[in-house]
N, C-alpha and C. Protein backbone atom coordinates (compact mmCIF):
# COMPACT_ATOMS: atom_id res chain seq x y z
N UNK A 1 41.68 -8.21 7.31
CA UNK A 1 40.60 -8.60 6.44
C UNK A 1 40.15 -7.37 5.66
N UNK A 2 40.08 -7.46 4.33
CA UNK A 2 39.71 -6.30 3.53
C UNK A 2 38.23 -5.95 3.71
N UNK A 3 37.96 -4.67 3.64
CA UNK A 3 36.58 -4.22 3.73
C UNK A 3 35.86 -4.49 2.42
N UNK A 4 34.61 -4.81 2.51
CA UNK A 4 33.85 -5.02 1.28
C UNK A 4 33.49 -3.66 0.69
N UNK A 5 33.43 -3.58 -0.63
CA UNK A 5 33.11 -2.30 -1.25
C UNK A 5 31.68 -1.88 -0.91
N UNK A 6 31.47 -0.60 -0.75
CA UNK A 6 30.13 -0.10 -0.46
C UNK A 6 29.29 -0.13 -1.73
N UNK A 7 28.09 -0.61 -1.59
CA UNK A 7 27.17 -0.60 -2.72
C UNK A 7 26.47 0.75 -2.79
N UNK A 8 26.26 1.22 -4.01
CA UNK A 8 25.48 2.44 -4.20
C UNK A 8 24.01 2.06 -4.17
N UNK A 9 23.26 2.69 -3.30
CA UNK A 9 21.83 2.45 -3.21
C UNK A 9 21.13 3.77 -3.52
N UNK A 10 20.38 3.81 -4.62
CA UNK A 10 19.71 5.06 -4.99
C UNK A 10 18.78 5.55 -3.88
N UNK A 11 18.61 6.86 -3.83
CA UNK A 11 17.79 7.47 -2.78
C UNK A 11 16.37 6.89 -2.78
N UNK A 12 15.77 6.70 -3.97
CA UNK A 12 14.40 6.20 -3.97
C UNK A 12 14.32 4.79 -3.38
N UNK A 13 15.36 3.99 -3.56
CA UNK A 13 15.37 2.65 -2.99
C UNK A 13 15.50 2.72 -1.47
N UNK A 14 16.31 3.64 -0.98
CA UNK A 14 16.43 3.81 0.47
C UNK A 14 15.11 4.28 1.06
N UNK A 15 14.44 5.20 0.35
CA UNK A 15 13.15 5.70 0.83
C UNK A 15 12.12 4.58 0.89
N UNK A 16 12.06 3.74 -0.15
CA UNK A 16 11.10 2.64 -0.18
C UNK A 16 11.39 1.64 0.95
N UNK A 17 12.68 1.35 1.17
CA UNK A 17 13.03 0.41 2.24
C UNK A 17 12.62 0.99 3.59
N UNK A 18 12.83 2.27 3.78
CA UNK A 18 12.45 2.92 5.04
C UNK A 18 10.93 2.89 5.19
N UNK A 19 10.21 3.11 4.10
CA UNK A 19 8.75 3.09 4.15
C UNK A 19 8.25 1.70 4.53
N UNK A 20 8.86 0.66 3.97
CA UNK A 20 8.45 -0.71 4.31
C UNK A 20 8.70 -0.99 5.79
N UNK A 21 9.87 -0.58 6.29
CA UNK A 21 10.16 -0.81 7.71
C UNK A 21 9.18 -0.04 8.59
N UNK A 22 8.88 1.19 8.21
CA UNK A 22 7.97 2.01 8.98
C UNK A 22 6.57 1.41 8.96
N UNK A 23 6.13 0.95 7.78
CA UNK A 23 4.78 0.38 7.67
C UNK A 23 4.66 -0.86 8.54
N UNK A 24 5.69 -1.70 8.53
CA UNK A 24 5.63 -2.91 9.35
C UNK A 24 5.59 -2.55 10.83
N UNK A 25 6.25 -1.45 11.20
CA UNK A 25 6.30 -1.06 12.60
C UNK A 25 5.10 -0.19 12.98
N UNK A 26 4.32 0.25 11.98
CA UNK A 26 3.19 1.12 12.24
C UNK A 26 2.16 0.39 13.09
N UNK A 27 1.77 0.94 14.22
CA UNK A 27 0.81 0.27 15.10
C UNK A 27 -0.55 0.03 14.43
N UNK A 28 -0.91 0.84 13.44
CA UNK A 28 -2.18 0.65 12.74
C UNK A 28 -2.25 -0.76 12.16
N UNK A 29 -1.18 -1.20 11.48
CA UNK A 29 -1.18 -2.49 10.81
C UNK A 29 -1.01 -3.66 11.78
N UNK A 30 -0.65 -3.38 13.01
CA UNK A 30 -0.52 -4.43 14.02
C UNK A 30 -1.78 -4.53 14.88
N UNK A 31 -2.70 -3.58 14.71
CA UNK A 31 -3.90 -3.55 15.56
C UNK A 31 -4.87 -4.66 15.20
N UNK A 32 -5.63 -5.11 16.18
CA UNK A 32 -6.66 -6.13 15.95
C UNK A 32 -7.73 -5.60 15.00
N UNK A 33 -8.05 -4.30 15.12
CA UNK A 33 -9.08 -3.71 14.26
C UNK A 33 -8.67 -3.81 12.78
N UNK A 34 -7.38 -3.51 12.48
CA UNK A 34 -6.91 -3.62 11.09
C UNK A 34 -6.90 -5.08 10.63
N UNK A 35 -6.44 -5.98 11.49
CA UNK A 35 -6.38 -7.40 11.10
C UNK A 35 -7.77 -7.94 10.77
N UNK A 36 -8.77 -7.55 11.57
CA UNK A 36 -10.14 -8.01 11.30
C UNK A 36 -10.68 -7.39 10.01
N UNK A 37 -10.42 -6.09 9.82
CA UNK A 37 -10.88 -5.42 8.61
C UNK A 37 -10.22 -6.02 7.37
N UNK A 38 -8.93 -6.29 7.45
CA UNK A 38 -8.21 -6.90 6.33
C UNK A 38 -8.81 -8.26 5.98
N UNK A 39 -9.05 -9.08 6.98
CA UNK A 39 -9.65 -10.39 6.75
C UNK A 39 -11.04 -10.26 6.12
N UNK A 40 -11.81 -9.28 6.58
CA UNK A 40 -13.14 -9.05 6.01
C UNK A 40 -13.04 -8.70 4.52
N UNK A 41 -12.11 -7.81 4.19
CA UNK A 41 -11.92 -7.41 2.79
C UNK A 41 -11.51 -8.61 1.95
N UNK A 42 -10.57 -9.39 2.43
CA UNK A 42 -10.09 -10.55 1.69
C UNK A 42 -11.20 -11.59 1.50
N UNK A 43 -12.09 -11.69 2.48
CA UNK A 43 -13.21 -12.64 2.38
C UNK A 43 -14.28 -12.12 1.42
N UNK A 44 -14.59 -10.83 1.50
CA UNK A 44 -15.67 -10.26 0.68
C UNK A 44 -15.28 -10.07 -0.78
N UNK A 45 -14.05 -9.67 -1.02
CA UNK A 45 -13.61 -9.40 -2.39
C UNK A 45 -12.80 -10.60 -2.87
N UNK A 46 -13.34 -11.31 -3.81
CA UNK A 46 -12.73 -12.56 -4.25
C UNK A 46 -11.63 -12.37 -5.30
N UNK A 47 -11.54 -11.18 -5.88
CA UNK A 47 -10.53 -10.91 -6.91
C UNK A 47 -9.91 -9.54 -6.71
N UNK A 48 -8.78 -9.33 -7.36
CA UNK A 48 -8.14 -8.01 -7.37
C UNK A 48 -9.13 -7.01 -7.97
N UNK A 49 -9.36 -5.91 -7.29
CA UNK A 49 -10.33 -4.93 -7.76
C UNK A 49 -9.85 -4.21 -9.02
N UNK A 50 -8.55 -4.18 -9.24
CA UNK A 50 -8.00 -3.46 -10.38
C UNK A 50 -7.98 -4.32 -11.65
N UNK A 51 -7.39 -5.51 -11.57
CA UNK A 51 -7.22 -6.33 -12.79
C UNK A 51 -8.09 -7.58 -12.82
N UNK A 52 -8.73 -7.91 -11.70
CA UNK A 52 -9.60 -9.07 -11.67
C UNK A 52 -8.89 -10.40 -11.45
N UNK A 53 -7.61 -10.35 -11.10
CA UNK A 53 -6.85 -11.58 -10.88
C UNK A 53 -7.44 -12.38 -9.73
N UNK A 54 -7.35 -13.70 -9.85
CA UNK A 54 -7.80 -14.58 -8.78
C UNK A 54 -6.92 -14.40 -7.55
N UNK A 55 -7.43 -14.77 -6.37
CA UNK A 55 -6.65 -14.62 -5.15
C UNK A 55 -5.31 -15.35 -5.23
N UNK A 56 -4.30 -14.73 -4.66
CA UNK A 56 -2.97 -15.33 -4.62
C UNK A 56 -2.26 -14.86 -3.35
N UNK A 57 -1.26 -15.60 -2.97
CA UNK A 57 -0.43 -15.20 -1.84
C UNK A 57 0.20 -13.85 -2.19
N UNK A 58 0.18 -12.94 -1.26
CA UNK A 58 0.75 -11.62 -1.50
C UNK A 58 -0.29 -10.56 -1.84
N UNK A 59 -1.57 -10.95 -1.95
CA UNK A 59 -2.61 -9.95 -2.19
C UNK A 59 -2.63 -8.97 -1.00
N UNK A 60 -3.00 -7.74 -1.30
CA UNK A 60 -2.95 -6.67 -0.31
C UNK A 60 -4.33 -6.10 -0.04
N UNK A 61 -4.56 -5.71 1.19
CA UNK A 61 -5.71 -4.88 1.54
C UNK A 61 -5.19 -3.45 1.44
N UNK A 62 -5.66 -2.73 0.44
CA UNK A 62 -5.10 -1.43 0.09
C UNK A 62 -6.05 -0.31 0.47
N UNK A 63 -5.50 0.76 1.05
CA UNK A 63 -6.29 1.97 1.30
C UNK A 63 -6.43 2.72 -0.01
N UNK A 64 -7.65 2.95 -0.45
CA UNK A 64 -7.90 3.69 -1.69
C UNK A 64 -7.37 5.11 -1.55
N UNK A 65 -7.77 5.78 -0.50
CA UNK A 65 -7.20 7.09 -0.17
C UNK A 65 -6.19 6.84 0.95
N UNK A 66 -4.94 7.26 0.78
CA UNK A 66 -3.88 6.91 1.73
C UNK A 66 -4.13 7.39 3.16
N UNK A 67 -3.73 6.58 4.11
CA UNK A 67 -3.86 6.92 5.52
C UNK A 67 -3.06 8.18 5.84
N UNK A 68 -1.94 8.35 5.15
CA UNK A 68 -1.08 9.51 5.38
C UNK A 68 -1.84 10.82 5.17
N UNK A 69 -2.70 10.86 4.15
CA UNK A 69 -3.44 12.08 3.84
C UNK A 69 -4.89 12.04 4.32
N UNK A 70 -5.39 10.86 4.65
CA UNK A 70 -6.78 10.69 5.10
C UNK A 70 -6.83 9.76 6.31
N UNK A 71 -6.24 10.15 7.44
CA UNK A 71 -6.16 9.24 8.59
C UNK A 71 -7.52 8.82 9.15
N UNK A 72 -8.53 9.64 8.96
CA UNK A 72 -9.86 9.31 9.45
C UNK A 72 -10.51 8.15 8.71
N UNK A 73 -9.95 7.77 7.56
CA UNK A 73 -10.51 6.68 6.77
C UNK A 73 -9.72 5.37 6.92
N UNK A 74 -8.84 5.32 7.89
CA UNK A 74 -7.98 4.15 8.06
C UNK A 74 -8.77 2.86 8.26
N UNK A 75 -9.89 2.92 8.97
CA UNK A 75 -10.66 1.72 9.27
C UNK A 75 -12.05 1.75 8.64
N UNK A 76 -12.24 2.56 7.61
CA UNK A 76 -13.53 2.64 6.91
C UNK A 76 -13.51 1.60 5.79
N UNK A 77 -14.46 0.67 5.84
CA UNK A 77 -14.48 -0.45 4.89
C UNK A 77 -14.50 0.01 3.43
N UNK A 78 -15.24 1.07 3.13
CA UNK A 78 -15.35 1.51 1.74
C UNK A 78 -14.06 2.15 1.23
N UNK A 79 -13.09 2.36 2.11
CA UNK A 79 -11.79 2.90 1.69
C UNK A 79 -10.74 1.80 1.52
N UNK A 80 -11.15 0.55 1.65
CA UNK A 80 -10.21 -0.57 1.55
C UNK A 80 -10.60 -1.43 0.35
N UNK A 81 -9.60 -1.85 -0.42
CA UNK A 81 -9.85 -2.72 -1.57
C UNK A 81 -8.80 -3.81 -1.62
N UNK A 82 -9.17 -4.92 -2.22
CA UNK A 82 -8.22 -6.01 -2.42
C UNK A 82 -7.48 -5.75 -3.73
N UNK A 83 -6.15 -5.79 -3.68
CA UNK A 83 -5.32 -5.66 -4.87
C UNK A 83 -4.31 -6.79 -4.89
N UNK A 84 -4.02 -7.30 -6.10
CA UNK A 84 -2.93 -8.28 -6.21
C UNK A 84 -1.61 -7.52 -5.98
N UNK A 85 -0.55 -8.24 -5.72
CA UNK A 85 0.74 -7.61 -5.43
C UNK A 85 1.20 -6.71 -6.56
N UNK A 86 0.97 -7.13 -7.80
CA UNK A 86 1.41 -6.35 -8.95
C UNK A 86 0.66 -5.02 -9.05
N UNK A 87 -0.66 -5.05 -8.93
CA UNK A 87 -1.45 -3.82 -9.00
C UNK A 87 -1.15 -2.91 -7.81
N UNK A 88 -0.94 -3.50 -6.63
CA UNK A 88 -0.62 -2.69 -5.46
C UNK A 88 0.72 -1.98 -5.65
N UNK A 89 1.71 -2.70 -6.16
CA UNK A 89 3.02 -2.08 -6.40
C UNK A 89 2.91 -0.97 -7.44
N UNK A 90 2.15 -1.21 -8.48
CA UNK A 90 1.98 -0.21 -9.53
C UNK A 90 1.29 1.04 -8.98
N UNK A 91 0.22 0.84 -8.22
CA UNK A 91 -0.52 1.97 -7.64
C UNK A 91 0.37 2.76 -6.68
N UNK A 92 1.06 2.05 -5.82
CA UNK A 92 1.91 2.71 -4.84
C UNK A 92 3.06 3.43 -5.53
N UNK A 93 3.65 2.82 -6.55
CA UNK A 93 4.74 3.45 -7.28
C UNK A 93 4.30 4.73 -7.97
N UNK A 94 3.12 4.71 -8.56
CA UNK A 94 2.61 5.91 -9.23
C UNK A 94 2.30 7.01 -8.23
N UNK A 95 1.69 6.63 -7.11
CA UNK A 95 1.29 7.62 -6.10
C UNK A 95 2.49 8.19 -5.36
N UNK A 96 3.42 7.30 -4.98
CA UNK A 96 4.53 7.73 -4.14
C UNK A 96 5.79 8.06 -4.92
N UNK A 97 5.74 7.99 -6.22
CA UNK A 97 6.91 8.35 -7.02
C UNK A 97 7.97 7.27 -7.03
N UNK A 98 7.58 6.00 -7.03
CA UNK A 98 8.54 4.92 -7.05
C UNK A 98 9.34 4.86 -8.34
N UNK A 99 10.38 4.10 -8.33
CA UNK A 99 11.22 3.88 -9.50
C UNK A 99 11.83 5.18 -10.03
N UNK A 100 12.16 6.10 -9.13
CA UNK A 100 12.85 7.33 -9.51
C UNK A 100 11.96 8.43 -10.03
N UNK A 101 10.64 8.22 -10.03
CA UNK A 101 9.74 9.27 -10.49
C UNK A 101 9.43 10.22 -9.35
N UNK A 102 9.08 11.43 -9.70
CA UNK A 102 8.67 12.40 -8.70
C UNK A 102 7.32 12.01 -8.14
N UNK A 103 7.03 12.45 -6.94
CA UNK A 103 5.73 12.18 -6.34
C UNK A 103 4.64 12.75 -7.22
N UNK A 104 3.55 12.05 -7.33
CA UNK A 104 2.44 12.49 -8.15
C UNK A 104 1.28 12.83 -7.25
N UNK A 105 1.13 14.10 -6.93
CA UNK A 105 0.05 14.51 -6.04
C UNK A 105 -1.30 14.52 -6.75
N UNK A 106 -1.29 14.47 -8.08
CA UNK A 106 -2.56 14.52 -8.81
C UNK A 106 -3.38 13.25 -8.61
N UNK A 107 -2.77 12.13 -8.19
CA UNK A 107 -3.53 10.91 -7.99
C UNK A 107 -4.23 10.91 -6.65
N UNK A 108 -3.81 11.77 -5.74
CA UNK A 108 -4.47 11.82 -4.45
C UNK A 108 -5.76 12.60 -4.59
N UNK A 109 -6.82 12.02 -4.12
CA UNK A 109 -8.10 12.69 -4.15
C UNK A 109 -8.88 12.40 -5.43
N UNK A 110 -8.31 11.70 -6.40
CA UNK A 110 -9.03 11.39 -7.61
C UNK A 110 -9.89 10.15 -7.47
N UNK A 111 -9.66 9.37 -6.47
CA UNK A 111 -10.45 8.15 -6.29
C UNK A 111 -11.84 8.53 -5.80
N UNK A 112 -12.83 7.86 -6.33
CA UNK A 112 -14.18 8.11 -5.84
C UNK A 112 -14.43 7.17 -4.68
N UNK A 113 -15.00 7.69 -3.64
CA UNK A 113 -15.18 6.92 -2.43
C UNK A 113 -16.60 7.17 -1.91
N UNK A 114 -17.27 6.09 -1.62
CA UNK A 114 -18.61 6.20 -1.04
C UNK A 114 -18.52 5.68 0.39
N UNK A 115 -18.78 6.52 1.33
CA UNK A 115 -18.72 6.12 2.74
C UNK A 115 -20.10 5.65 3.15
N UNK A 116 -20.14 4.40 3.61
CA UNK A 116 -21.43 3.81 4.02
C UNK A 116 -21.56 3.85 5.52
């Protein structure tokens, strides 16, 4: 039986796939505390905070300041926002250098955050 040809997968695509697998396996996102906080955000914020889109399947509870660089804010309500899938992908791509772009460290720390 002939072997199937190997597909070329760009490095950034491999990195994104690894990040998705890691995020799904991350105990933070499996915790009851995160699930309750996510539900609270989805209930309190009726639209995407970025574009104002109405709620849709695939909306995300997004950390304004990333957990990777601000782990102490992982469960702080004022650091979580509702984003539609499109805005979340755009924000993550810009911050993490998606689509072959270099990482953009200038976006980290630019968000204004009020801790209540």
